[in-house]
N, C-alpha and C. Protein backbone atom coordinates (compact mmCIF):
# COMPACT_ATOMS: atom_id res chain seq x y z
N MET A 1 1.74 -3.26 -10.96
CA MET A 1 1.85 -2.34 -10.41
C MET A 1 2.76 -2.07 -8.98
N LYS A 2 3.00 -1.07 -8.65
CA LYS A 2 4.10 -0.88 -7.55
C LYS A 2 3.30 -0.62 -6.39
N LEU A 3 3.87 -0.88 -5.17
CA LEU A 3 3.25 -0.53 -3.69
C LEU A 3 3.97 0.58 -3.36
N LEU A 4 3.29 1.48 -2.52
CA LEU A 4 3.76 2.68 -1.93
C LEU A 4 3.44 2.64 -0.71
N PHE A 5 4.34 2.39 0.21
CA PHE A 5 4.15 2.27 1.89
C PHE A 5 4.06 3.63 2.54
N ASP A 6 2.84 3.54 3.13
CA ASP A 6 2.52 4.81 3.59
C ASP A 6 3.63 5.33 5.01
N GLN A 7 3.45 6.37 5.43
CA GLN A 7 4.44 6.74 6.39
C GLN A 7 4.08 6.20 7.79
N ASN A 8 3.26 5.43 8.25
CA ASN A 8 2.98 4.61 9.36
C ASN A 8 3.48 3.21 9.33
N LEU A 9 4.26 3.04 8.17
CA LEU A 9 4.81 1.56 7.95
C LEU A 9 6.53 1.65 7.68
N SER A 10 7.26 0.71 8.04
CA SER A 10 8.78 1.13 8.18
C SER A 10 9.24 1.09 6.65
N ARG A 11 10.25 1.66 6.44
CA ARG A 11 10.81 1.91 5.01
C ARG A 11 11.55 0.46 4.89
N LYS A 12 11.98 -0.02 5.75
CA LYS A 12 12.61 -1.33 5.50
C LYS A 12 11.73 -2.28 4.80
N LEU A 13 10.49 -2.23 4.88
CA LEU A 13 9.65 -3.22 3.82
C LEU A 13 9.85 -3.23 2.54
N VAL A 14 10.56 -2.10 1.99
CA VAL A 14 10.86 -1.88 0.65
C VAL A 14 11.77 -2.88 0.27
N SER A 15 13.02 -3.02 1.07
CA SER A 15 14.08 -3.85 0.78
C SER A 15 13.69 -5.25 1.16
N ARG A 16 13.11 -5.58 2.27
CA ARG A 16 12.50 -6.72 2.57
C ARG A 16 11.54 -7.57 1.82
N LEU A 17 10.92 -6.57 0.85
CA LEU A 17 10.09 -7.36 0.05
C LEU A 17 10.40 -7.02 -1.64
N ALA A 18 11.52 -6.77 -1.75
CA ALA A 18 12.01 -6.44 -3.10
C ALA A 18 12.11 -7.66 -3.80
N ASP A 19 12.28 -8.87 -3.43
CA ASP A 19 12.14 -9.99 -4.21
C ASP A 19 10.84 -10.39 -4.79
N ILE A 20 9.65 -9.92 -4.07
CA ILE A 20 8.18 -10.05 -4.76
C ILE A 20 7.71 -8.93 -5.30
N TYR A 21 8.24 -7.80 -4.55
CA TYR A 21 7.55 -6.35 -5.32
C TYR A 21 8.65 -5.70 -5.51
N PRO A 22 9.56 -5.68 -6.29
CA PRO A 22 10.54 -4.98 -6.99
C PRO A 22 10.66 -3.74 -6.95
N THR A 23 9.54 -3.24 -7.49
CA THR A 23 9.14 -1.61 -7.92
C THR A 23 8.76 -0.88 -6.57
N SER A 24 8.58 -1.17 -5.54
CA SER A 24 7.82 -0.87 -4.54
C SER A 24 8.69 0.26 -3.86
N SER A 25 7.90 1.35 -3.52
CA SER A 25 8.63 2.44 -2.76
C SER A 25 8.02 2.75 -1.35
N HIS A 26 8.61 3.85 -0.77
CA HIS A 26 8.03 4.53 0.51
C HIS A 26 7.70 5.90 0.27
N VAL A 27 6.67 6.42 0.97
CA VAL A 27 6.36 7.85 0.87
C VAL A 27 7.80 8.66 1.22
N GLN A 28 8.47 8.26 2.31
CA GLN A 28 9.67 9.22 2.38
C GLN A 28 10.65 9.31 1.13
N PHE A 29 10.74 8.38 0.41
CA PHE A 29 11.75 8.25 -0.73
C PHE A 29 11.19 9.35 -1.84
N HIS A 30 9.84 9.72 -1.62
CA HIS A 30 9.25 10.99 -2.54
C HIS A 30 8.96 12.07 -2.04
N GLU A 31 9.57 12.22 -0.65
CA GLU A 31 9.24 13.48 0.05
C GLU A 31 7.68 13.94 0.47
N LEU A 32 6.96 12.78 0.46
CA LEU A 32 5.66 12.91 0.87
C LEU A 32 5.37 12.61 2.27
N GLU A 33 6.11 12.37 3.28
CA GLU A 33 5.76 12.15 4.46
C GLU A 33 5.21 13.24 5.29
N GLU A 34 5.15 14.45 4.95
CA GLU A 34 4.50 15.59 5.50
C GLU A 34 3.43 15.96 4.75
N LYS A 35 2.97 15.27 3.61
CA LYS A 35 1.89 15.66 2.76
C LYS A 35 0.55 15.26 3.29
N THR A 36 -0.47 15.62 2.89
CA THR A 36 -1.82 15.09 3.10
C THR A 36 -2.16 13.74 2.51
N ASP A 37 -3.24 13.29 3.05
CA ASP A 37 -3.71 12.10 2.31
C ASP A 37 -4.18 12.23 0.88
N THR A 38 -4.63 13.41 0.64
CA THR A 38 -5.21 13.67 -0.85
C THR A 38 -3.79 13.68 -1.68
N GLU A 39 -2.70 14.26 -1.03
CA GLU A 39 -1.67 14.47 -2.04
C GLU A 39 -0.84 13.17 -2.42
N VAL A 40 -0.90 12.46 -1.38
CA VAL A 40 -0.26 11.04 -1.31
C VAL A 40 -1.12 10.22 -2.48
N TRP A 41 -2.62 10.22 -2.24
CA TRP A 41 -3.30 9.84 -3.19
C TRP A 41 -3.05 10.07 -4.63
N GLU A 42 -2.86 11.34 -4.92
CA GLU A 42 -2.82 11.81 -6.26
C GLU A 42 -1.49 11.40 -6.67
N PHE A 43 -0.20 11.52 -5.98
CA PHE A 43 0.98 10.85 -6.21
C PHE A 43 0.93 9.45 -6.82
N ALA A 44 0.07 8.67 -6.05
CA ALA A 44 0.01 7.20 -6.21
C ALA A 44 -0.65 7.07 -7.68
N LYS A 45 -1.80 7.78 -7.81
CA LYS A 45 -2.56 7.70 -8.77
C LYS A 45 -1.90 7.96 -10.10
N VAL A 46 -1.16 9.18 -10.33
CA VAL A 46 -0.19 9.47 -11.21
C VAL A 46 0.72 8.47 -11.53
N ASN A 47 1.36 7.79 -10.45
CA ASN A 47 2.43 7.14 -10.95
C ASN A 47 2.14 5.70 -10.64
N ASP A 48 1.20 5.22 -10.73
CA ASP A 48 0.82 3.97 -10.94
C ASP A 48 1.27 3.07 -9.54
N PHE A 49 0.83 3.62 -8.43
CA PHE A 49 1.19 2.98 -7.23
C PHE A 49 0.07 2.61 -6.68
N CYS A 50 -0.04 1.38 -5.67
CA CYS A 50 -0.95 0.95 -5.03
C CYS A 50 -0.31 1.64 -3.69
N ILE A 51 -1.42 2.08 -2.83
CA ILE A 51 -1.12 2.45 -1.53
C ILE A 51 -1.13 1.39 -0.34
N VAL A 52 -0.05 1.29 0.08
CA VAL A 52 -0.04 0.33 1.57
C VAL A 52 -0.20 0.96 2.86
N THR A 53 -1.37 0.95 3.67
CA THR A 53 -1.14 1.81 4.68
C THR A 53 -2.16 1.12 5.88
N GLN A 54 -2.11 1.63 7.14
CA GLN A 54 -2.78 1.19 8.25
C GLN A 54 -3.76 2.33 8.49
N ASP A 55 -3.80 3.28 7.63
CA ASP A 55 -4.73 4.37 7.69
C ASP A 55 -6.15 4.22 7.07
N ALA A 56 -7.05 4.20 7.79
CA ALA A 56 -8.66 3.68 7.46
C ALA A 56 -9.13 4.99 6.44
N ASP A 57 -8.64 6.22 6.50
CA ASP A 57 -8.83 6.98 5.37
C ASP A 57 -8.68 6.81 3.88
N PHE A 58 -7.35 5.97 3.74
CA PHE A 58 -7.24 5.74 2.38
C PHE A 58 -8.18 4.59 1.93
N ALA A 59 -8.39 3.66 2.91
CA ALA A 59 -9.73 2.68 2.64
C ALA A 59 -10.92 3.50 2.40
N GLU A 60 -11.28 4.45 3.00
CA GLU A 60 -12.62 5.08 2.86
C GLU A 60 -12.46 5.90 1.36
N LYS A 61 -11.44 6.35 0.97
CA LYS A 61 -11.30 7.07 -0.24
C LYS A 61 -11.43 6.01 -1.32
N SER A 62 -10.95 4.69 -1.04
CA SER A 62 -11.26 3.92 -2.25
C SER A 62 -12.44 3.35 -2.32
N ARG A 63 -13.37 3.22 -1.22
CA ARG A 63 -14.63 3.01 -1.35
C ARG A 63 -15.61 4.22 -1.97
N LEU A 64 -15.11 5.28 -1.57
CA LEU A 64 -15.73 6.67 -2.40
C LEU A 64 -15.47 6.68 -3.93
N TYR A 65 -14.10 6.65 -4.10
CA TYR A 65 -13.77 6.99 -5.66
C TYR A 65 -13.02 5.92 -6.38
N GLY A 66 -13.32 4.67 -5.74
CA GLY A 66 -12.57 3.60 -6.69
C GLY A 66 -10.98 3.72 -6.79
N SER A 67 -10.50 3.20 -7.86
CA SER A 67 -9.37 3.08 -8.18
C SER A 67 -9.22 3.76 -9.77
N PRO A 68 -8.01 4.08 -10.01
CA PRO A 68 -6.79 3.99 -9.18
C PRO A 68 -6.58 5.29 -8.37
N PRO A 69 -5.59 5.36 -7.21
CA PRO A 69 -4.90 3.90 -6.97
C PRO A 69 -5.70 2.92 -6.15
N LYS A 70 -5.16 1.84 -6.17
CA LYS A 70 -5.75 0.63 -5.13
C LYS A 70 -5.07 0.79 -4.17
N VAL A 71 -5.55 0.30 -3.15
CA VAL A 71 -5.29 0.47 -1.63
C VAL A 71 -5.39 -0.87 -0.84
N ILE A 72 -4.20 -1.33 0.00
CA ILE A 72 -3.86 -2.41 0.59
C ILE A 72 -3.98 -1.71 2.09
N TRP A 73 -5.18 -2.41 2.83
CA TRP A 73 -5.25 -1.63 4.15
C TRP A 73 -4.65 -2.81 5.29
N LEU A 74 -3.59 -2.77 5.78
CA LEU A 74 -3.16 -3.58 6.74
C LEU A 74 -4.03 -3.23 8.11
N ARG A 75 -4.79 -4.25 8.54
CA ARG A 75 -5.68 -4.32 9.89
C ARG A 75 -5.01 -5.01 11.06
N CYS A 76 -3.71 -5.14 11.03
CA CYS A 76 -2.68 -5.73 11.85
C CYS A 76 -2.45 -5.05 13.21
N GLY A 77 -2.86 -3.76 13.24
CA GLY A 77 -2.46 -2.95 14.19
C GLY A 77 -0.87 -2.63 14.35
N ASN A 78 -0.42 -2.11 15.18
CA ASN A 78 1.04 -1.68 15.27
C ASN A 78 2.08 -3.02 15.35
N ALA A 79 2.14 -3.70 14.28
CA ALA A 79 2.90 -4.91 14.48
C ALA A 79 4.12 -4.56 14.00
N PRO A 80 5.20 -5.43 14.26
CA PRO A 80 6.54 -5.45 14.14
C PRO A 80 6.77 -5.41 12.79
N THR A 81 7.83 -4.91 12.08
CA THR A 81 8.21 -4.91 10.65
C THR A 81 8.22 -6.56 10.08
N ARG A 82 8.81 -7.41 10.79
CA ARG A 82 8.86 -8.76 10.39
C ARG A 82 7.35 -9.23 10.35
N GLN A 83 6.57 -9.03 11.11
CA GLN A 83 5.07 -9.47 11.00
C GLN A 83 4.48 -8.95 9.56
N VAL A 84 4.59 -7.59 9.20
CA VAL A 84 4.23 -7.01 8.27
C VAL A 84 4.74 -8.01 7.15
N GLU A 85 5.88 -7.95 7.10
CA GLU A 85 6.60 -8.67 5.78
C GLU A 85 6.00 -10.13 5.84
N THR A 86 5.83 -10.91 6.76
CA THR A 86 5.01 -12.20 6.65
C THR A 86 3.64 -11.96 6.16
N LEU A 87 3.06 -10.99 6.82
CA LEU A 87 1.66 -10.91 6.12
C LEU A 87 1.72 -10.70 4.84
N PHE A 88 2.52 -9.82 4.33
CA PHE A 88 2.61 -9.88 2.77
C PHE A 88 3.06 -10.88 1.82
N ARG A 89 3.90 -11.62 2.42
CA ARG A 89 4.36 -12.95 1.94
C ARG A 89 3.04 -13.95 1.83
N SER A 90 2.49 -14.14 2.62
CA SER A 90 1.21 -15.06 3.04
C SER A 90 0.03 -14.67 2.08
N GLY A 91 -0.05 -13.30 2.12
CA GLY A 91 -1.03 -12.79 1.31
C GLY A 91 -0.76 -12.14 -0.37
N ALA A 92 0.28 -12.79 -0.62
CA ALA A 92 0.72 -12.54 -2.06
C ALA A 92 -0.36 -12.91 -3.29
N ASP A 93 -1.04 -13.97 -2.94
CA ASP A 93 -2.07 -14.24 -3.99
C ASP A 93 -3.34 -13.39 -4.22
N ALA A 94 -3.64 -13.02 -2.71
CA ALA A 94 -4.74 -11.93 -2.57
C ALA A 94 -4.29 -10.72 -3.20
N ILE A 95 -3.08 -10.27 -2.84
CA ILE A 95 -2.47 -9.05 -3.45
C ILE A 95 -2.43 -8.93 -4.95
N GLN A 96 -1.82 -10.00 -5.44
CA GLN A 96 -1.85 -10.18 -6.78
C GLN A 96 -3.37 -10.11 -7.65
N GLU A 97 -4.25 -10.75 -6.93
CA GLU A 97 -5.48 -10.60 -7.52
C GLU A 97 -6.17 -9.17 -7.38
N LEU A 98 -5.98 -8.35 -6.37
CA LEU A 98 -6.15 -7.12 -6.20
C LEU A 98 -5.52 -6.19 -7.37
N LEU A 99 -4.26 -6.50 -7.49
CA LEU A 99 -3.59 -5.59 -8.42
C LEU A 99 -4.05 -5.97 -10.21
N ASN A 100 -4.48 -7.23 -10.22
CA ASN A 100 -4.64 -7.66 -11.49
C ASN A 100 -6.34 -7.62 -12.00
N ASN A 101 -7.13 -7.35 -10.86
CA ASN A 101 -8.52 -7.26 -11.11
C ASN A 101 -9.09 -5.89 -11.16
N PRO A 102 -9.34 -5.44 -12.25
CA PRO A 102 -9.99 -3.83 -12.33
C PRO A 102 -11.40 -3.75 -11.34
N ALA A 103 -11.79 -4.60 -11.08
CA ALA A 103 -13.14 -4.68 -10.62
C ALA A 103 -12.81 -4.53 -8.83
N LEU A 104 -11.55 -4.93 -8.55
CA LEU A 104 -11.29 -4.65 -7.12
C LEU A 104 -10.53 -3.38 -6.83
N HIS A 105 -10.79 -2.84 -5.58
CA HIS A 105 -10.14 -1.48 -5.38
C HIS A 105 -9.42 -1.23 -4.02
N CYS A 106 -9.96 -2.27 -2.89
CA CYS A 106 -9.23 -2.39 -1.83
C CYS A 106 -9.09 -3.81 -1.20
N LEU A 107 -8.09 -4.16 -0.71
CA LEU A 107 -7.67 -5.29 0.15
C LEU A 107 -7.70 -5.27 1.48
N GLU A 108 -8.17 -5.71 2.26
CA GLU A 108 -7.84 -5.69 3.84
C GLU A 108 -7.06 -6.84 4.04
N LEU A 109 -5.84 -6.57 4.71
CA LEU A 109 -4.99 -7.85 5.17
C LEU A 109 -5.11 -7.74 6.74
N TYR A 110 -5.16 -8.71 7.24
CA TYR A 110 -5.14 -8.98 8.92
C TYR A 110 -4.23 -9.98 9.25
């Protein structure tokens, strides 16, 4: 499964994490930056993306509707891109478990 970074995260994460998440993308690359959460949700669902966000709304949608799409909710606040990258690298096993386990719908990373 591919990661789709939400508008509130840097586009640089796509290239910085390409070695472990090579098929990832950013909402801006799909002209979704001005779209509603529902439209981003549907795009991710149809295109087999896991949404990566700092927005609690996507985590709430995940609780209500399950998956797909799966959601990675970053709870680190407005952290620098380097710190978010480190969080993804250190959380790689948990992220892989989320992506592989059909019973899991949302992962919170701190």
